[in-house]
Amino acid sequence: LGALLPIVAMMVSLNNPLPLCFNLGSNAAIAITPTRLAIAGAYLTYVFCFLRSYAIIFVVIGAAAVPAWMFGPTIDQITNAFAKGWNIIVNLIGHLIPQTALDWGITAIAAAFAFLGIGAAVSLTHRIHPPVEPPNEPVDPTTN
């Protein structure tokens, strides 16, 4: 029950009544809201209840993360950046996939030369540094 109460406190604070929200400056992203206070309280509760021997480390790390949390990008900005990056990657992969028989032929020739190069590199590596074989010890015919 003690582990669930901080989560319930965060869920109760999600409605963010406007009179309880305080904006720092003109930027609405830098705001003190009941949800942010509940998240901070839940973090401290979990640290002091379950990680008491490491409490100083976790509180210092949490305090260092607060500026990134307060002044960092919003969830919408992160989502938009992720979607834009995903679209760029998908378009790039789409352009790299061969479309015609000529494209596939060129890809096959390039792959053949790449495999020849890999084979040559492996062959030269074994020639320069031959594998070490265990020493041959004479076998005593009297023992089985």
Foldseek 3Di string as FASTA:
>chain_A
DLLCVLVVQLVVQVVFDPVQKAADPPDNLQIDTSNVVSVVVSQLSCCVPPVVVCNVVSVVVVVVCVCCNRVPDDPVVVVVVVVVVVVVVVVVVVVQDDDDPVSVVVVVVVVVVVVVVVVVVVVVVCVVPPDDDDDDDDDDVVDD
